[in-house]
Amino acid sequence: MEKSITYFEKEGENYTDELISLVKQRLDESDEIRYILIASASGASALKLADAIEGDAQIINVSHHAGFSGPNEVDISDEMIDKLEEKGVDTFIGSHAFSGVGRGITNKLGGINPPDIIADTLRMFSHGVKVACEISIMAADAGLIPVDEEIIAIGGRAHGVDTAVVLTPANMTNVFDLNIHEIIAMPRQ
């Protein structure tokens, strides 16, 4: 099998539209992918994806957990959740798989925990690769996606998306069963 990978010069939201186009192209190559996960705290990138995909796969938007930006704050508005639901997109708000309680302990007491090591290792590829893996674990643990079939997972850093991978997700308890099969696109730095 031969596949091409698109490399963006650097990470950033200015690649969102091109990335979505590449995901659509990859989705059109095979009818085996039924789920697309996207990390979109505000929901804006998920809305763009929904407009481009138009029902070709189930889209699940993963937003930050409550309290990420401030005490009890949720980054995605109820209005945006409603807009996404109208387009058939589910939104999941939950604790980050690679931080969670471990991050709270590290913030208070210092040190490092194993999920931080996993996260930093994935960031060696790109922040978006880390995010794509993390949201797939989160969605699998919520029962929103199967762990026995390939999906597309999309991530980035801060705003917009710049990374897409085809992977088989895993539950948190079996994190090392997660398998990245293809990189559709990612930034070089």
Protein backbone atom coordinates (compact mmCIF):
# COMPACT_ATOMS: atom_id res chain seq x y z
CA MET A 1 0.00 0.00 0.00
CA GLU A 2 1.28 3.45 -0.85
CA LYS A 3 -0.09 6.60 0.80
CA SER A 4 1.01 10.18 0.77
CA ILE A 5 1.35 12.42 3.82
CA THR A 6 0.85 16.17 3.70
CA TYR A 7 3.28 18.12 5.85
CA PHE A 8 2.40 21.66 6.84
CA GLU A 9 5.33 24.02 7.37
CA LYS A 10 4.32 24.73 10.98
CA GLU A 11 1.37 24.14 13.27
CA GLY A 12 -1.59 26.45 13.28
CA GLU A 13 -5.19 27.20 12.52
CA ASN A 14 -4.44 28.51 9.02
CA TYR A 15 -4.28 24.85 7.86
CA THR A 16 -7.77 23.93 9.10
CA ASP A 17 -9.54 24.18 5.74
CA GLU A 18 -6.84 22.27 3.87
CA LEU A 19 -6.77 19.58 6.55
CA ILE A 20 -10.54 19.14 6.36
CA SER A 21 -10.24 18.78 2.58
CA LEU A 22 -7.58 16.07 3.04
CA VAL A 23 -9.79 14.24 5.55
CA LYS A 24 -12.70 14.36 3.11
CA GLN A 25 -10.43 12.99 0.38
CA ARG A 26 -9.26 10.14 2.64
CA LEU A 27 -12.83 9.37 3.65
CA ASP A 28 -13.84 9.16 -0.02
CA GLU A 29 -11.12 6.53 -0.62
CA SER A 30 -12.77 3.98 1.65
CA ASP A 31 -16.22 3.29 3.03
CA GLU A 32 -14.73 1.44 6.01
CA ILE A 33 -14.28 4.52 8.23
CA ARG A 34 -17.48 5.25 10.11
CA TYR A 35 -16.24 7.70 12.76
CA ILE A 36 -14.30 10.94 12.75
CA LEU A 37 -13.18 12.55 16.00
CA ILE A 38 -12.18 16.18 16.09
CA ALA A 39 -10.75 18.21 18.96
CA SER A 40 -12.52 21.55 18.82
CA ALA A 41 -12.85 23.39 22.12
CA SER A 42 -15.15 26.07 20.68
CA GLY A 43 -16.80 23.78 18.13
CA ALA A 44 -15.86 26.02 15.17
CA SER A 45 -13.58 23.47 13.49
CA ALA A 46 -16.13 20.70 14.09
CA LEU A 47 -18.78 22.82 12.36
CA LYS A 48 -16.49 23.31 9.34
CA LEU A 49 -15.86 19.56 9.23
CA ALA A 50 -19.59 18.80 9.40
CA ASP A 51 -20.26 21.13 6.47
CA ALA A 52 -17.55 19.40 4.40
CA ILE A 53 -18.37 15.78 5.30
CA GLU A 54 -22.17 16.06 5.17
CA GLY A 55 -23.08 12.72 6.74
CA ASP A 56 -20.36 10.55 5.21
CA ALA A 57 -19.28 9.50 8.73
CA GLN A 58 -20.36 10.08 12.33
CA ILE A 59 -18.51 13.14 13.64
CA ILE A 60 -17.81 13.46 17.34
CA ASN A 61 -16.46 16.74 18.64
CA VAL A 62 -14.30 16.58 21.76
CA SER A 63 -14.06 19.78 23.79
CA HIS A 64 -12.05 20.66 26.88
CA HIS A 65 -13.28 19.42 30.23
CA ALA A 66 -15.14 21.84 32.50
CA GLY A 67 -12.59 23.83 34.47
CA PHE A 68 -9.88 23.74 31.78
CA SER A 69 -10.01 27.49 31.16
CA GLY A 70 -11.24 28.49 34.60
CA PRO A 71 -13.22 27.14 37.55
CA ASN A 72 -16.35 25.42 36.25
CA GLU A 73 -16.01 27.08 32.81
CA VAL A 74 -16.98 25.11 29.71
CA ASP A 75 -15.25 26.31 26.53
CA ILE A 76 -18.03 25.39 24.10
CA SER A 77 -21.29 27.31 24.20
CA ASP A 78 -24.72 25.70 24.42
CA GLU A 79 -25.58 27.48 21.16
CA MET A 80 -22.65 25.84 19.38
CA ILE A 81 -23.56 22.43 20.79
CA ASP A 82 -27.08 22.94 19.38
CA LYS A 83 -25.68 23.94 15.95
CA LEU A 84 -23.51 20.86 15.89
CA GLU A 85 -26.39 18.60 16.95
CA GLU A 86 -28.49 20.01 14.08
CA LYS A 87 -25.77 18.74 11.73
CA GLY A 88 -25.65 15.33 13.45
CA VAL A 89 -22.42 16.01 15.38
CA ASP A 90 -22.19 14.74 18.95
CA THR A 91 -20.12 16.73 21.44
CA PHE A 92 -18.19 15.13 24.27
CA ILE A 93 -16.88 17.15 27.20
CA GLY A 94 -14.65 15.12 29.49
CA SER A 95 -11.38 14.86 31.36
CA HIS A 96 -8.21 14.66 29.31
CA ALA A 97 -6.84 11.14 29.13
CA PHE A 98 -3.19 12.19 29.44
CA SER A 99 -3.62 14.63 32.30
CA GLY A 100 -6.70 14.25 34.51
CA VAL A 101 -6.01 13.80 38.21
CA GLY A 102 -2.31 13.17 37.51
CA ARG A 103 -1.93 16.75 36.28
CA GLY A 104 -3.52 18.06 39.47
CA ILE A 105 -1.07 16.05 41.57
CA THR A 106 1.90 17.26 39.50
CA ASN A 107 0.70 20.87 39.73
CA LYS A 108 0.48 20.64 43.52
CA LEU A 109 3.37 18.34 44.42
CA GLY A 110 5.67 18.43 41.42
CA GLY A 111 7.20 15.46 39.68
CA ILE A 112 5.93 13.67 36.63
CA ASN A 113 3.39 10.94 36.01
CA PRO A 114 3.41 8.25 33.30
CA PRO A 115 0.62 9.83 31.21
CA ASP A 116 2.78 12.99 30.94
CA ILE A 117 5.57 10.85 29.50
CA ILE A 118 3.19 9.35 26.92
CA ALA A 119 1.88 12.81 26.01
CA ASP A 120 5.35 14.30 25.63
CA THR A 121 6.47 11.34 23.51
CA LEU A 122 3.52 11.83 21.14
CA ARG A 123 4.28 15.57 20.99
CA MET A 124 7.65 14.61 19.49
CA PHE A 125 5.61 13.99 16.31
CA SER A 126 3.30 16.98 16.79
CA HIS A 127 0.96 18.42 19.35
CA GLY A 128 -1.89 17.34 17.07
CA VAL A 129 -0.77 13.69 17.10
CA LYS A 130 -0.90 13.78 20.90
CA VAL A 131 -4.36 15.34 20.80
CA ALA A 132 -5.66 12.85 18.21
CA CYS A 133 -4.56 9.92 20.35
CA GLU A 134 -5.87 11.49 23.54
CA ILE A 135 -9.35 12.28 22.22
CA SER A 136 -9.66 8.76 20.81
CA ILE A 137 -9.01 7.31 24.27
CA MET A 138 -11.49 9.75 25.81
CA ALA A 139 -14.22 8.93 23.27
CA ALA A 140 -13.59 5.19 23.59
CA ASP A 141 -13.86 5.40 27.38
CA ALA A 142 -17.16 7.24 26.98
CA GLY A 143 -18.46 4.43 24.76
CA LEU A 144 -18.84 6.78 21.78
CA ILE A 145 -16.59 4.85 19.39
CA PRO A 146 -15.60 1.21 18.99
CA VAL A 147 -12.08 0.05 19.83
CA ASP A 148 -12.02 -2.61 17.13
CA GLU A 149 -12.15 -0.52 13.96
CA GLU A 150 -10.21 2.27 12.31
CA ILE A 151 -11.32 5.88 12.72
CA ILE A 152 -9.98 9.27 11.73
CA ALA A 153 -8.85 11.47 14.61
CA ILE A 154 -8.13 15.17 14.12
CA GLY A 155 -6.22 17.48 16.44
CA GLY A 156 -4.15 20.61 16.64
CA ARG A 157 -2.94 23.15 19.14
CA ALA A 158 -4.90 26.03 20.65
CA HIS A 159 -7.04 27.08 17.64
CA GLY A 160 -7.95 25.20 14.50
CA VAL A 161 -6.63 21.80 13.46
CA ASP A 162 -3.49 20.75 11.60
CA THR A 163 -3.16 17.00 12.17
CA ALA A 164 -5.21 13.99 11.07
CA VAL A 165 -4.45 10.32 11.57
CA VAL A 166 -6.15 7.01 10.92
CA LEU A 167 -5.99 4.92 14.07
CA THR A 168 -7.62 2.12 15.98
CA PRO A 169 -8.54 3.53 19.38
CA ALA A 170 -8.13 1.91 22.76
CA ASN A 171 -9.65 2.32 26.18
CA MET A 172 -7.54 3.98 28.85
CA THR A 173 -6.96 0.68 30.63
CA ASN A 174 -5.39 -0.70 27.43
CA VAL A 175 -3.70 2.49 26.21
CA PHE A 176 -0.88 0.65 24.45
CA ASP A 177 -3.39 -1.17 22.23
CA LEU A 178 -3.97 2.14 20.41
CA ASN A 179 -2.55 1.76 16.90
CA ILE A 180 -1.76 4.62 14.52
CA HIS A 181 -2.10 3.27 10.97
CA GLU A 182 -1.71 6.36 8.80
CA ILE A 183 -0.78 10.00 9.09
CA ILE A 184 -2.96 12.00 6.71
CA ALA A 185 -1.33 15.32 7.55
CA MET A 186 0.72 16.97 10.28
CA PRO A 187 2.95 20.01 10.79
CA ARG A 188 6.72 19.71 10.41
CA GLN A 189 7.31 21.84 13.51
